[in-house]
ModelCIF file with pLDDT and N, C-alpha, C, O atoms, coordinates in Angstrom:
data_MODEL
#
_entry.id   MODEL 
#
_entity.id                         1 
_entity.type                       polymer 
_entity.pdbx_number_of_molecules   1 
#
_entity_poly.entity_id                      1 
_entity_poly.type                           'polypeptide(L)' 
_entity_poly.nstd_linkage                   no 
_entity_poly.nstd_monomer                   no 
_entity_poly.pdbx_seq_one_letter_code       LTEEDYRTLQTVGEFDLKSSSWVKTPDKIRKLGGAIFCDR 
_entity_poly.pdbx_seq_one_letter_code_can   LTEEDYRTLQTVGEFDLKSSSWVKTPDKIRKLGGAIFCDR 
_entity_poly.pdbx_strand_id                 A 
#
loop_
_entity_poly_seq.entity_id 
_entity_poly_seq.num 
_entity_poly_seq.mon_id 
_entity_poly_seq.hetero 
1 1  LEU n 
1 2  THR n 
1 3  GLU n 
1 4  GLU n 
1 5  ASP n 
1 6  TYR n 
1 7  ARG n 
1 8  THR n 
1 9  LEU n 
1 10 GLN n 
1 11 THR n 
1 12 VAL n 
1 13 GLY n 
1 14 GLU n 
1 15 PHE n 
1 16 ASP n 
1 17 LEU n 
1 18 LYS n 
1 19 SER n 
1 20 SER n 
1 21 SER n 
1 22 TRP n 
1 23 VAL n 
1 24 LYS n 
1 25 THR n 
1 26 PRO n 
1 27 ASP n 
1 28 LYS n 
1 29 ILE n 
1 30 ARG n 
1 31 LYS n 
1 32 LEU n 
1 33 GLY n 
1 34 GLY n 
1 35 ALA n 
1 36 ILE n 
1 37 PHE n 
1 38 CYS n 
1 39 ASP n 
1 40 ARG n 
#
_struct_asym.id          A 
_struct_asym.entity_id   1 
#
loop_
_ma_qa_metric.id 
_ma_qa_metric.mode 
_ma_qa_metric.name 
_ma_qa_metric.software_group_id 
_ma_qa_metric.type 
1 global pLDDT . pLDDT 
2 local  pLDDT . pLDDT 
#
_ma_qa_metric_global.metric_id      1 
_ma_qa_metric_global.metric_value   96.95 
_ma_qa_metric_global.model_id       1 
_ma_qa_metric_global.ordinal_id     1 
#
loop_
_ma_qa_metric_local.label_asym_id 
_ma_qa_metric_local.label_comp_id 
_ma_qa_metric_local.label_seq_id 
_ma_qa_metric_local.metric_id 
_ma_qa_metric_local.metric_value 
_ma_qa_metric_local.model_id 
_ma_qa_metric_local.ordinal_id 
A LEU 1  2 98.00 1 1  
A THR 2  2 97.00 1 2  
A GLU 3  2 98.00 1 3  
A GLU 4  2 96.00 1 4  
A ASP 5  2 96.00 1 5  
A TYR 6  2 98.00 1 6  
A ARG 7  2 97.00 1 7  
A THR 8  2 94.00 1 8  
A LEU 9  2 96.00 1 9  
A GLN 10 2 96.00 1 10 
A THR 11 2 92.00 1 11 
A VAL 12 2 90.00 1 12 
A GLY 13 2 93.00 1 13 
A GLU 14 2 97.00 1 14 
A PHE 15 2 98.00 1 15 
A ASP 16 2 98.00 1 16 
A LEU 17 2 98.00 1 17 
A LYS 18 2 98.00 1 18 
A SER 19 2 98.00 1 19 
A SER 20 2 98.00 1 20 
A SER 21 2 98.00 1 21 
A TRP 22 2 98.00 1 22 
A VAL 23 2 98.00 1 23 
A LYS 24 2 98.00 1 24 
A THR 25 2 98.00 1 25 
A PRO 26 2 97.00 1 26 
A ASP 27 2 97.00 1 27 
A LYS 28 2 97.00 1 28 
A ILE 29 2 98.00 1 29 
A ARG 30 2 98.00 1 30 
A LYS 31 2 97.00 1 31 
A LEU 32 2 97.00 1 32 
A GLY 33 2 96.00 1 33 
A GLY 34 2 97.00 1 34 
A ALA 35 2 98.00 1 35 
A ILE 36 2 98.00 1 36 
A PHE 37 2 98.00 1 37 
A CYS 38 2 98.00 1 38 
A ASP 39 2 98.00 1 39 
A ARG 40 2 98.00 1 40 
#
loop_
_atom_site.group_PDB 
_atom_site.id 
_atom_site.type_symbol 
_atom_site.label_atom_id 
_atom_site.label_alt_id 
_atom_site.label_comp_id 
_atom_site.label_asym_id 
_atom_site.label_entity_id 
_atom_site.label_seq_id 
_atom_site.pdbx_PDB_ins_code 
_atom_site.Cartn_x 
_atom_site.Cartn_y 
_atom_site.Cartn_z 
_atom_site.occupancy 
_atom_site.B_iso_or_equiv 
_atom_site.pdbx_formal_charge 
_atom_site.auth_seq_id 
_atom_site.auth_comp_id 
_atom_site.auth_asym_id 
_atom_site.auth_atom_id 
_atom_site.pdbx_PDB_model_num 
ATOM 1   N N  . LEU A 1 1  ? 153.853 145.027 105.038 1.00 98.00 ? 1  LEU A N  1 
ATOM 2   C CA . LEU A 1 1  ? 153.084 146.449 105.871 1.00 98.00 ? 1  LEU A CA 1 
ATOM 3   C C  . LEU A 1 1  ? 151.814 145.905 106.274 1.00 98.00 ? 1  LEU A C  1 
ATOM 4   O O  . LEU A 1 1  ? 151.255 144.967 105.707 1.00 98.00 ? 1  LEU A O  1 
ATOM 5   N N  . THR A 1 2  ? 151.407 146.490 107.209 1.00 97.00 ? 2  THR A N  1 
ATOM 6   C CA . THR A 1 2  ? 149.864 146.420 107.462 1.00 97.00 ? 2  THR A CA 1 
ATOM 7   C C  . THR A 1 2  ? 149.326 147.508 106.887 1.00 97.00 ? 2  THR A C  1 
ATOM 8   O O  . THR A 1 2  ? 149.947 148.395 106.301 1.00 97.00 ? 2  THR A O  1 
ATOM 9   N N  . GLU A 1 3  ? 147.824 147.412 107.109 1.00 98.00 ? 3  GLU A N  1 
ATOM 10  C CA . GLU A 1 3  ? 146.900 148.252 106.263 1.00 98.00 ? 3  GLU A CA 1 
ATOM 11  C C  . GLU A 1 3  ? 147.527 149.697 106.759 1.00 98.00 ? 3  GLU A C  1 
ATOM 12  O O  . GLU A 1 3  ? 148.049 150.477 105.964 1.00 98.00 ? 3  GLU A O  1 
ATOM 13  N N  . GLU A 1 4  ? 147.414 149.945 108.123 1.00 96.00 ? 4  GLU A N  1 
ATOM 14  C CA . GLU A 1 4  ? 148.025 151.057 108.558 1.00 96.00 ? 4  GLU A CA 1 
ATOM 15  C C  . GLU A 1 4  ? 149.421 151.418 108.297 1.00 96.00 ? 4  GLU A C  1 
ATOM 16  O O  . GLU A 1 4  ? 149.649 152.614 108.115 1.00 96.00 ? 4  GLU A O  1 
ATOM 17  N N  . ASP A 1 5  ? 150.428 150.557 108.246 1.00 96.00 ? 5  ASP A N  1 
ATOM 18  C CA . ASP A 1 5  ? 151.512 151.180 107.621 1.00 96.00 ? 5  ASP A CA 1 
ATOM 19  C C  . ASP A 1 5  ? 151.431 151.656 106.148 1.00 96.00 ? 5  ASP A C  1 
ATOM 20  O O  . ASP A 1 5  ? 152.053 152.611 105.682 1.00 96.00 ? 5  ASP A O  1 
ATOM 21  N N  . TYR A 1 6  ? 150.570 150.848 105.486 1.00 98.00 ? 6  TYR A N  1 
ATOM 22  C CA . TYR A 1 6  ? 150.099 151.043 103.802 1.00 98.00 ? 6  TYR A CA 1 
ATOM 23  C C  . TYR A 1 6  ? 149.854 153.049 103.863 1.00 98.00 ? 6  TYR A C  1 
ATOM 24  O O  . TYR A 1 6  ? 150.342 153.975 103.216 1.00 98.00 ? 6  TYR A O  1 
ATOM 25  N N  . ARG A 1 7  ? 149.021 152.970 104.808 1.00 97.00 ? 7  ARG A N  1 
ATOM 26  C CA . ARG A 1 7  ? 148.286 154.356 104.984 1.00 97.00 ? 7  ARG A CA 1 
ATOM 27  C C  . ARG A 1 7  ? 149.410 155.218 105.197 1.00 97.00 ? 7  ARG A C  1 
ATOM 28  O O  . ARG A 1 7  ? 149.439 156.189 104.441 1.00 97.00 ? 7  ARG A O  1 
ATOM 29  N N  . THR A 1 8  ? 150.447 155.111 106.118 1.00 94.00 ? 8  THR A N  1 
ATOM 30  C CA . THR A 1 8  ? 151.266 155.695 106.578 1.00 94.00 ? 8  THR A CA 1 
ATOM 31  C C  . THR A 1 8  ? 152.120 156.193 105.541 1.00 94.00 ? 8  THR A C  1 
ATOM 32  O O  . THR A 1 8  ? 152.543 157.349 105.519 1.00 94.00 ? 8  THR A O  1 
ATOM 33  N N  . LEU A 1 9  ? 152.370 155.325 104.690 1.00 96.00 ? 9  LEU A N  1 
ATOM 34  C CA . LEU A 1 9  ? 153.593 155.125 103.305 1.00 96.00 ? 9  LEU A CA 1 
ATOM 35  C C  . LEU A 1 9  ? 152.915 156.409 102.605 1.00 96.00 ? 9  LEU A C  1 
ATOM 36  O O  . LEU A 1 9  ? 153.623 157.340 102.220 1.00 96.00 ? 9  LEU A O  1 
ATOM 37  N N  . GLN A 1 10 ? 151.349 156.422 102.439 1.00 96.00 ? 10 GLN A N  1 
ATOM 38  C CA . GLN A 1 10 ? 151.053 156.988 101.461 1.00 96.00 ? 10 GLN A CA 1 
ATOM 39  C C  . GLN A 1 10 ? 150.894 158.493 101.808 1.00 96.00 ? 10 GLN A C  1 
ATOM 40  O O  . GLN A 1 10 ? 150.535 159.343 100.993 1.00 96.00 ? 10 GLN A O  1 
ATOM 41  N N  . THR A 1 11 ? 151.151 158.690 102.897 1.00 92.00 ? 11 THR A N  1 
ATOM 42  C CA . THR A 1 11 ? 151.501 160.241 103.356 1.00 92.00 ? 11 THR A CA 1 
ATOM 43  C C  . THR A 1 11 ? 152.524 160.632 103.027 1.00 92.00 ? 11 THR A C  1 
ATOM 44  O O  . THR A 1 11 ? 152.591 161.848 103.208 1.00 92.00 ? 11 THR A O  1 
ATOM 45  N N  . VAL A 1 12 ? 153.576 160.132 102.536 1.00 90.00 ? 12 VAL A N  1 
ATOM 46  C CA . VAL A 1 12 ? 154.585 160.661 102.113 1.00 90.00 ? 12 VAL A CA 1 
ATOM 47  C C  . VAL A 1 12 ? 154.922 160.722 100.694 1.00 90.00 ? 12 VAL A C  1 
ATOM 48  O O  . VAL A 1 12 ? 155.959 161.210 100.243 1.00 90.00 ? 12 VAL A O  1 
ATOM 49  N N  . GLY A 1 13 ? 153.879 160.140 99.951  1.00 93.00 ? 13 GLY A N  1 
ATOM 50  C CA . GLY A 1 13 ? 153.952 160.238 98.485  1.00 93.00 ? 13 GLY A CA 1 
ATOM 51  C C  . GLY A 1 13 ? 152.735 159.417 97.951  1.00 93.00 ? 13 GLY A C  1 
ATOM 52  O O  . GLY A 1 13 ? 151.830 159.006 98.678  1.00 93.00 ? 13 GLY A O  1 
ATOM 53  N N  . GLU A 1 14 ? 152.820 159.204 96.470  1.00 97.00 ? 14 GLU A N  1 
ATOM 54  C CA . GLU A 1 14 ? 151.573 158.570 96.190  1.00 97.00 ? 14 GLU A CA 1 
ATOM 55  C C  . GLU A 1 14 ? 152.303 157.240 95.388  1.00 97.00 ? 14 GLU A C  1 
ATOM 56  O O  . GLU A 1 14 ? 153.186 157.208 94.531  1.00 97.00 ? 14 GLU A O  1 
ATOM 57  N N  . PHE A 1 15 ? 151.578 156.242 96.018  1.00 98.00 ? 15 PHE A N  1 
ATOM 58  C CA . PHE A 1 15 ? 152.176 154.786 95.690  1.00 98.00 ? 15 PHE A CA 1 
ATOM 59  C C  . PHE A 1 15 ? 151.259 154.013 95.172  1.00 98.00 ? 15 PHE A C  1 
ATOM 60  O O  . PHE A 1 15 ? 150.087 154.299 95.419  1.00 98.00 ? 15 PHE A O  1 
ATOM 61  N N  . ASP A 1 16 ? 151.549 152.880 94.354  1.00 98.00 ? 16 ASP A N  1 
ATOM 62  C CA . ASP A 1 16 ? 150.692 151.968 93.569  1.00 98.00 ? 16 ASP A CA 1 
ATOM 63  C C  . ASP A 1 16 ? 149.824 152.932 92.775  1.00 98.00 ? 16 ASP A C  1 
ATOM 64  O O  . ASP A 1 16 ? 148.737 152.861 93.349  1.00 98.00 ? 16 ASP A O  1 
ATOM 65  N N  . LEU A 1 17 ? 149.751 153.467 92.153  1.00 98.00 ? 17 LEU A N  1 
ATOM 66  C CA . LEU A 1 17 ? 148.685 154.208 91.341  1.00 98.00 ? 17 LEU A CA 1 
ATOM 67  C C  . LEU A 1 17 ? 148.191 153.354 89.859  1.00 98.00 ? 17 LEU A C  1 
ATOM 68  O O  . LEU A 1 17 ? 147.178 153.707 89.254  1.00 98.00 ? 17 LEU A O  1 
ATOM 69  N N  . LYS A 1 18 ? 149.046 152.216 89.396  1.00 98.00 ? 18 LYS A N  1 
ATOM 70  C CA . LYS A 1 18 ? 148.998 150.803 88.700  1.00 98.00 ? 18 LYS A CA 1 
ATOM 71  C C  . LYS A 1 18 ? 148.983 149.659 89.069  1.00 98.00 ? 18 LYS A C  1 
ATOM 72  O O  . LYS A 1 18 ? 148.622 148.684 88.410  1.00 98.00 ? 18 LYS A O  1 
ATOM 73  N N  . SER A 1 19 ? 149.436 149.687 90.324  1.00 98.00 ? 19 SER A N  1 
ATOM 74  C CA . SER A 1 19 ? 149.722 148.467 90.989  1.00 98.00 ? 19 SER A CA 1 
ATOM 75  C C  . SER A 1 19 ? 149.098 148.212 92.345  1.00 98.00 ? 19 SER A C  1 
ATOM 76  O O  . SER A 1 19 ? 148.844 149.225 92.997  1.00 98.00 ? 19 SER A O  1 
ATOM 77  N N  . SER A 1 20 ? 148.816 147.081 92.868  1.00 98.00 ? 20 SER A N  1 
ATOM 78  C CA . SER A 1 20 ? 148.633 146.814 94.142  1.00 98.00 ? 20 SER A CA 1 
ATOM 79  C C  . SER A 1 20 ? 149.713 146.034 95.101  1.00 98.00 ? 20 SER A C  1 
ATOM 80  O O  . SER A 1 20 ? 150.720 145.441 94.714  1.00 98.00 ? 20 SER A O  1 
ATOM 81  N N  . SER A 1 21 ? 149.210 146.195 96.561  1.00 98.00 ? 21 SER A N  1 
ATOM 82  C CA . SER A 1 21 ? 150.077 145.262 97.254  1.00 98.00 ? 21 SER A CA 1 
ATOM 83  C C  . SER A 1 21 ? 149.170 144.749 98.515  1.00 98.00 ? 21 SER A C  1 
ATOM 84  O O  . SER A 1 21 ? 148.447 145.406 99.264  1.00 98.00 ? 21 SER A O  1 
ATOM 85  N N  . TRP A 1 22 ? 149.498 143.149 98.486  1.00 98.00 ? 22 TRP A N  1 
ATOM 86  C CA . TRP A 1 22 ? 149.255 142.450 99.444  1.00 98.00 ? 22 TRP A CA 1 
ATOM 87  C C  . TRP A 1 22 ? 149.830 143.248 100.974 1.00 98.00 ? 22 TRP A C  1 
ATOM 88  O O  . TRP A 1 22 ? 150.968 143.642 101.232 1.00 98.00 ? 22 TRP A O  1 
ATOM 89  N N  . VAL A 1 23 ? 148.642 143.300 101.783 1.00 98.00 ? 23 VAL A N  1 
ATOM 90  C CA . VAL A 1 23 ? 149.370 143.670 103.225 1.00 98.00 ? 23 VAL A CA 1 
ATOM 91  C C  . VAL A 1 23 ? 148.711 142.721 104.290 1.00 98.00 ? 23 VAL A C  1 
ATOM 92  O O  . VAL A 1 23 ? 147.797 141.917 104.103 1.00 98.00 ? 23 VAL A O  1 
ATOM 93  N N  . LYS A 1 24 ? 149.420 143.017 105.505 1.00 98.00 ? 24 LYS A N  1 
ATOM 94  C CA . LYS A 1 24 ? 149.405 141.768 106.271 1.00 98.00 ? 24 LYS A CA 1 
ATOM 95  C C  . LYS A 1 24 ? 147.920 141.594 107.074 1.00 98.00 ? 24 LYS A C  1 
ATOM 96  O O  . LYS A 1 24 ? 147.441 142.469 107.795 1.00 98.00 ? 24 LYS A O  1 
ATOM 97  N N  . THR A 1 25 ? 147.296 140.286 106.796 1.00 98.00 ? 25 THR A N  1 
ATOM 98  C CA . THR A 1 25 ? 145.978 140.200 106.789 1.00 98.00 ? 25 THR A CA 1 
ATOM 99  C C  . THR A 1 25 ? 145.429 139.948 108.156 1.00 98.00 ? 25 THR A C  1 
ATOM 100 O O  . THR A 1 25 ? 146.171 139.209 108.802 1.00 98.00 ? 25 THR A O  1 
ATOM 101 N N  . PRO A 1 26 ? 144.417 140.313 108.760 1.00 97.00 ? 26 PRO A N  1 
ATOM 102 C CA . PRO A 1 26 ? 144.094 139.915 110.371 1.00 97.00 ? 26 PRO A CA 1 
ATOM 103 C C  . PRO A 1 26 ? 143.532 138.108 110.071 1.00 97.00 ? 26 PRO A C  1 
ATOM 104 O O  . PRO A 1 26 ? 142.727 137.666 109.252 1.00 97.00 ? 26 PRO A O  1 
ATOM 105 N N  . ASP A 1 27 ? 144.228 137.522 110.956 1.00 97.00 ? 27 ASP A N  1 
ATOM 106 C CA . ASP A 1 27 ? 144.001 136.177 111.067 1.00 97.00 ? 27 ASP A CA 1 
ATOM 107 C C  . ASP A 1 27 ? 142.468 135.977 110.972 1.00 97.00 ? 27 ASP A C  1 
ATOM 108 O O  . ASP A 1 27 ? 142.204 134.831 110.606 1.00 97.00 ? 27 ASP A O  1 
ATOM 109 N N  . LYS A 1 28 ? 141.658 136.553 111.135 1.00 97.00 ? 28 LYS A N  1 
ATOM 110 C CA . LYS A 1 28 ? 140.031 136.408 111.120 1.00 97.00 ? 28 LYS A CA 1 
ATOM 111 C C  . LYS A 1 28 ? 139.925 136.160 110.028 1.00 97.00 ? 28 LYS A C  1 
ATOM 112 O O  . LYS A 1 28 ? 139.445 135.042 109.841 1.00 97.00 ? 28 LYS A O  1 
ATOM 113 N N  . ILE A 1 29 ? 140.222 136.849 108.940 1.00 98.00 ? 29 ILE A N  1 
ATOM 114 C CA . ILE A 1 29 ? 139.919 137.014 107.318 1.00 98.00 ? 29 ILE A CA 1 
ATOM 115 C C  . ILE A 1 29 ? 140.585 135.989 106.862 1.00 98.00 ? 29 ILE A C  1 
ATOM 116 O O  . ILE A 1 29 ? 140.024 135.208 106.094 1.00 98.00 ? 29 ILE A O  1 
ATOM 117 N N  . ARG A 1 30 ? 141.674 135.833 107.181 1.00 98.00 ? 30 ARG A N  1 
ATOM 118 C CA . ARG A 1 30 ? 143.042 134.582 106.651 1.00 98.00 ? 30 ARG A CA 1 
ATOM 119 C C  . ARG A 1 30 ? 142.362 133.238 107.061 1.00 98.00 ? 30 ARG A C  1 
ATOM 120 O O  . ARG A 1 30 ? 142.572 132.257 106.348 1.00 98.00 ? 30 ARG A O  1 
ATOM 121 N N  . LYS A 1 31 ? 141.604 133.130 108.103 1.00 97.00 ? 31 LYS A N  1 
ATOM 122 C CA . LYS A 1 31 ? 141.165 131.787 108.529 1.00 97.00 ? 31 LYS A CA 1 
ATOM 123 C C  . LYS A 1 31 ? 139.958 131.488 107.549 1.00 97.00 ? 31 LYS A C  1 
ATOM 124 O O  . LYS A 1 31 ? 139.747 130.337 107.169 1.00 97.00 ? 31 LYS A O  1 
ATOM 125 N N  . LEU A 1 32 ? 139.160 132.573 107.141 1.00 97.00 ? 32 LEU A N  1 
ATOM 126 C CA . LEU A 1 32 ? 138.205 132.295 105.936 1.00 97.00 ? 32 LEU A CA 1 
ATOM 127 C C  . LEU A 1 32 ? 138.507 132.184 104.712 1.00 97.00 ? 32 LEU A C  1 
ATOM 128 O O  . LEU A 1 32 ? 137.582 132.155 103.901 1.00 97.00 ? 32 LEU A O  1 
ATOM 129 N N  . GLY A 1 33 ? 139.621 132.108 104.339 1.00 96.00 ? 33 GLY A N  1 
ATOM 130 C CA . GLY A 1 33 ? 140.399 131.905 103.095 1.00 96.00 ? 33 GLY A CA 1 
ATOM 131 C C  . GLY A 1 33 ? 141.035 133.235 102.486 1.00 96.00 ? 33 GLY A C  1 
ATOM 132 O O  . GLY A 1 33 ? 141.787 133.241 101.512 1.00 96.00 ? 33 GLY A O  1 
ATOM 133 N N  . GLY A 1 34 ? 140.686 134.195 103.095 1.00 97.00 ? 34 GLY A N  1 
ATOM 134 C CA . GLY A 1 34 ? 140.859 135.631 102.437 1.00 97.00 ? 34 GLY A CA 1 
ATOM 135 C C  . GLY A 1 34 ? 141.958 136.198 102.404 1.00 97.00 ? 34 GLY A C  1 
ATOM 136 O O  . GLY A 1 34 ? 142.897 135.489 102.767 1.00 97.00 ? 34 GLY A O  1 
ATOM 137 N N  . ALA A 1 35 ? 142.225 137.346 102.067 1.00 98.00 ? 35 ALA A N  1 
ATOM 138 C CA . ALA A 1 35 ? 143.552 138.023 102.011 1.00 98.00 ? 35 ALA A CA 1 
ATOM 139 C C  . ALA A 1 35 ? 143.229 139.494 101.442 1.00 98.00 ? 35 ALA A C  1 
ATOM 140 O O  . ALA A 1 35 ? 142.465 139.746 100.511 1.00 98.00 ? 35 ALA A O  1 
ATOM 141 N N  . ILE A 1 36 ? 144.040 140.488 102.269 1.00 98.00 ? 36 ILE A N  1 
ATOM 142 C CA . ILE A 1 36 ? 143.636 141.692 101.940 1.00 98.00 ? 36 ILE A CA 1 
ATOM 143 C C  . ILE A 1 36 ? 144.630 142.524 101.297 1.00 98.00 ? 36 ILE A C  1 
ATOM 144 O O  . ILE A 1 36 ? 145.710 142.337 101.858 1.00 98.00 ? 36 ILE A O  1 
ATOM 145 N N  . PHE A 1 37 ? 144.728 143.431 100.280 1.00 98.00 ? 37 PHE A N  1 
ATOM 146 C CA . PHE A 1 37 ? 145.514 144.356 99.713  1.00 98.00 ? 37 PHE A CA 1 
ATOM 147 C C  . PHE A 1 37 ? 145.051 145.715 99.420  1.00 98.00 ? 37 PHE A C  1 
ATOM 148 O O  . PHE A 1 37 ? 143.855 145.965 99.568  1.00 98.00 ? 37 PHE A O  1 
ATOM 149 N N  . CYS A 1 38 ? 145.822 146.576 99.040  1.00 98.00 ? 38 CYS A N  1 
ATOM 150 C CA . CYS A 1 38 ? 145.778 148.095 98.988  1.00 98.00 ? 38 CYS A CA 1 
ATOM 151 C C  . CYS A 1 38 ? 146.302 148.653 97.791  1.00 98.00 ? 38 CYS A C  1 
ATOM 152 O O  . CYS A 1 38 ? 147.384 148.252 97.362  1.00 98.00 ? 38 CYS A O  1 
ATOM 153 N N  . ASP A 1 39 ? 145.609 149.592 97.168  1.00 98.00 ? 39 ASP A N  1 
ATOM 154 C CA . ASP A 1 39 ? 146.382 150.480 96.165  1.00 98.00 ? 39 ASP A CA 1 
ATOM 155 C C  . ASP A 1 39 ? 145.721 152.016 96.363  1.00 98.00 ? 39 ASP A C  1 
ATOM 156 O O  . ASP A 1 39 ? 145.005 152.373 97.299  1.00 98.00 ? 39 ASP A O  1 
ATOM 157 N N  . ARG A 1 40 ? 146.158 152.804 95.238  1.00 98.00 ? 40 ARG A N  1 
ATOM 158 C CA . ARG A 1 40 ? 145.712 154.136 95.410  1.00 98.00 ? 40 ARG A CA 1 
ATOM 159 C C  . ARG A 1 40 ? 144.992 154.757 94.139  1.00 98.00 ? 40 ARG A C  1 
ATOM 160 O O  . ARG A 1 40 ? 144.563 155.911 94.175  1.00 98.00 ? 40 ARG A O  1 
#
């Protein structure tokens, strides 16, 4: 999921209240060694 997809998913329910999920990371961030994840 992209960050936008993840936010869309959260409109139909409440997900990842105890866990977290990697999301597609923009190339700029990944080239610097990072990655992004989301939770609620």
